[in-house]
Protein backbone atom coordinates (compact mmCIF):
# COMPACT_ATOMS: atom_id res chain seq x y z
CA ALA A 1 -27.22 -5.16 5.05
CA ILE A 2 -25.45 -1.87 4.56
CA LYS A 3 -22.48 -2.05 2.24
CA TYR A 4 -19.77 0.55 2.32
CA LEU A 5 -16.68 1.33 0.32
CA SER A 6 -13.46 1.90 2.18
CA LEU A 7 -10.89 3.84 0.17
CA SER A 8 -7.63 5.40 1.17
CA ILE A 9 -6.90 9.04 0.37
CA SER A 10 -4.64 7.98 -2.52
CA ARG A 11 -7.34 5.82 -4.11
CA ILE A 12 -9.97 8.50 -3.68
CA SER A 13 -7.62 11.10 -5.16
CA ALA A 14 -6.85 8.92 -8.18
CA LEU A 15 -10.51 8.18 -8.82
CA LEU A 16 -11.48 11.85 -8.45
CA PHE A 17 -8.65 12.80 -10.77
CA LEU A 18 -9.93 10.40 -13.44
CA LEU A 19 -13.51 11.62 -13.06
CA TYR A 20 -12.44 15.26 -13.28
CA LYS A 21 -10.26 14.57 -16.30
CA GLN A 22 -13.14 12.75 -18.02
CA TYR A 23 -15.49 15.62 -17.16
CA THR A 24 -13.16 18.33 -18.46
CA GLU A 25 -12.44 16.41 -21.65
CA SER A 26 -16.08 15.60 -22.38
CA ARG A 27 -17.85 18.92 -21.81
CA GLU A 28 -17.99 21.83 -24.18
CA PRO A 29 -17.05 25.18 -22.65
CA CYS A 30 -19.72 27.86 -22.32
CA GLN A 31 -19.55 30.78 -24.73
CA GLY A 32 -16.63 32.93 -23.65
CA GLU A 33 -15.27 30.31 -21.26
CA ARG A 34 -11.73 29.16 -21.80
CA LYS A 35 -11.39 25.42 -21.83
CA THR A 36 -9.18 24.47 -18.90
CA THR A 37 -6.70 21.65 -18.93
CA MET A 38 -5.69 19.38 -16.12
CA LYS A 39 -2.80 20.78 -14.12
CA TYR A 40 -1.65 17.48 -12.63
CA ASP A 41 0.82 15.28 -14.43
CA SER A 42 1.60 12.73 -11.73
CA VAL A 43 -0.01 10.67 -8.98
CA ILE A 44 1.85 9.17 -6.01
CA PHE A 45 0.44 6.13 -4.23
CA ASP A 46 1.10 4.30 -1.00
CA LEU A 47 1.47 0.53 -1.52
CA ASP A 48 0.11 -1.51 1.42
CA GLY A 49 -3.60 -1.01 1.90
CA THR A 50 -3.86 1.37 -1.06
CA LEU A 51 -2.76 -0.45 -4.20
CA LEU A 52 -2.24 -3.91 -2.74
CA ASP A 53 -4.18 -5.90 -0.18
CA THR A 54 -1.24 -7.29 1.80
CA LEU A 55 -2.96 -7.87 5.14
CA CYS A 56 -3.17 -11.68 4.95
CA ASP A 57 0.49 -12.08 4.04
CA LEU A 58 1.56 -9.60 6.72
CA GLY A 59 -0.61 -11.42 9.24
CA ASP A 60 0.82 -14.79 8.28
CA SER A 61 4.38 -13.44 8.61
CA VAL A 62 3.62 -11.95 12.02
CA ASN A 63 2.04 -15.16 13.25
CA ARG A 64 4.98 -17.23 11.94
CA MET A 65 7.28 -15.04 14.08
CA LEU A 66 5.01 -15.36 17.12
CA GLU A 67 4.82 -19.16 16.77
CA LYS A 68 8.62 -19.37 16.45
CA PHE A 69 9.02 -17.64 19.83
CA GLY A 70 6.11 -19.40 21.54
CA PHE A 71 3.84 -16.34 21.72
CA PRO A 72 0.09 -16.38 21.07
CA THR A 73 -0.91 -15.50 17.51
CA HIS A 74 -3.27 -12.73 16.36
CA THR A 75 -6.31 -12.59 14.10
CA TYR A 76 -6.15 -10.60 10.86
CA ASP A 77 -8.46 -8.01 12.44
CA GLU A 78 -6.03 -7.56 15.33
CA ILE A 79 -3.07 -7.30 12.96
CA LYS A 80 -4.94 -4.76 10.81
CA ASN A 81 -4.82 -2.40 13.78
CA MET A 82 -1.05 -2.88 14.15
CA VAL A 83 0.07 -2.03 10.60
CA GLY A 84 1.02 1.32 9.14
CA ASN A 85 4.29 2.22 10.79
CA GLY A 86 6.73 -0.16 9.14
CA ALA A 87 7.86 -3.73 9.64
CA ARG A 88 9.84 -3.13 12.84
CA ARG A 89 6.92 -1.43 14.58
CA LEU A 90 4.54 -4.18 13.39
CA ALA A 91 6.75 -6.87 14.92
CA LEU A 92 7.00 -4.94 18.20
CA ASN A 93 3.26 -4.30 18.30
CA ALA A 94 2.57 -8.01 17.83
CA ILE A 95 4.69 -9.44 20.66
CA PRO A 96 3.52 -9.41 24.28
CA ASP A 97 4.82 -6.30 26.10
CA GLY A 98 6.24 -4.86 22.87
CA GLU A 99 9.63 -3.20 23.28
CA GLU A 100 9.68 -4.18 26.94
CA ASN A 101 9.74 -7.88 26.07
CA GLU A 102 13.20 -9.33 26.78
CA ARG A 103 13.14 -11.08 23.39
CA ALA A 104 11.94 -8.02 21.47
CA GLU A 105 15.11 -7.46 19.42
CA GLU A 106 15.42 -11.16 18.69
CA CYS A 107 11.81 -11.20 17.43
CA VAL A 108 12.32 -8.09 15.31
CA SER A 109 15.50 -9.52 13.84
CA TYR A 110 13.74 -12.78 12.94
CA PHE A 111 10.74 -10.95 11.47
CA MET A 112 12.90 -8.62 9.37
CA SER A 113 15.06 -11.46 8.03
CA HIS A 114 12.01 -13.56 7.08
CA TYR A 115 9.74 -10.67 6.11
CA ASP A 116 9.83 -11.23 2.37
CA ASP A 117 9.52 -15.05 2.52
CA GLY A 118 5.74 -14.91 2.60
CA GLN A 119 4.93 -11.56 1.07
CA ASN A 120 3.48 -12.95 -2.10
CA ASN A 121 1.24 -15.84 -1.15
CA LYS A 122 -2.07 -14.02 -0.74
CA THR A 123 -1.21 -10.43 -1.74
CA LYS A 124 -3.27 -9.02 -4.59
CA PRO A 125 -4.27 -5.63 -5.99
CA PHE A 126 -7.50 -4.16 -4.69
CA LYS A 127 -10.38 -4.46 -7.13
CA GLY A 128 -10.20 -1.80 -9.84
CA ILE A 129 -6.67 -0.63 -9.03
CA PRO A 130 -4.95 -2.16 -12.09
CA GLU A 131 -7.53 -0.40 -14.26
CA VAL A 132 -6.95 2.92 -12.48
CA ILE A 133 -3.18 2.59 -12.96
CA GLY A 134 -3.66 1.59 -16.60
CA THR A 135 -5.97 4.54 -17.26
CA LEU A 136 -3.53 6.97 -15.68
CA LYS A 137 -0.72 5.55 -17.80
CA ALA A 138 -2.88 5.71 -20.95
CA HIS A 139 -3.48 9.41 -20.25
CA GLY A 140 0.24 10.05 -19.91
CA ILE A 141 0.05 10.59 -16.16
CA MET A 142 3.24 9.62 -14.34
CA THR A 143 2.67 7.31 -11.36
CA ALA A 144 4.98 6.50 -8.46
CA VAL A 145 4.89 4.60 -5.19
CA VAL A 146 6.14 5.78 -1.81
CA THR A 147 6.04 3.10 0.88
CA ASN A 148 7.53 2.10 4.20
CA LYS A 149 7.77 -1.51 2.95
CA LEU A 150 11.25 -2.93 2.47
CA ASP A 151 12.60 -1.62 -0.84
CA ALA A 152 13.31 -4.93 -2.58
CA VAL A 153 9.91 -6.33 -1.59
CA ALA A 154 8.06 -3.20 -2.75
CA LYS A 155 9.81 -3.19 -6.13
CA SER A 156 9.19 -6.90 -6.63
CA LEU A 157 5.48 -6.63 -5.80
CA CYS A 158 5.01 -3.57 -8.03
CA LYS A 159 6.77 -5.29 -10.92
CA GLN A 160 4.69 -8.44 -10.51
CA PHE A 161 1.29 -6.76 -10.27
CA PHE A 162 1.76 -3.58 -12.32
CA GLY A 163 4.68 -4.26 -14.67
CA ASP A 164 6.53 -1.05 -15.57
CA SER A 165 3.62 1.27 -14.72
CA PHE A 166 5.48 3.19 -12.03
CA ARG A 167 8.11 5.79 -12.79
CA GLY A 168 9.56 5.43 -9.32
CA ILE A 169 9.23 3.28 -6.24
CA THR A 170 10.88 4.56 -3.11
CA LYS A 171 10.92 3.96 0.61
CA LEU A 172 9.60 6.67 2.85
CA TYR A 173 12.00 7.55 5.62
CA LEU A 174 10.53 9.29 8.64
CA MET A 175 12.74 11.30 10.93
CA ARG A 176 12.10 10.99 14.66
């Protein structure tokens, strides 16, 4: 069986940063070469799917909404293809006929009001991420999170899984 590693751009960037920093700190410069120092002093991460594996909790929340309104539920694989554009868009993507459904706004309203009820049942950091964050912090690198997750939920999850590791946690607002 072929095994592969799926990493987001943020995780790849953080890992490359650590490898480069280790390389530059461990090698001796050639004669006449000036020793260079790292120019980066901060790393910004996305939350869902980058630092935290939230798919199961998102899927359970979506399916709870669908069951409430009598719609068919989705598998985690189906829901995985719906995430990435915020909670409202996820709810609309999950219901039959999306925005055209006559109960669309009612579904979105229910989903948004119950969104954080189940956001911490199965959520966990991806393997190795707490160590990456800890290493960055130990090297004096400032870390922050930018997410489209609801602000209170994002801050609560970051606090629970990473303590005070992040200098800032903010919601990303996209203009249409």
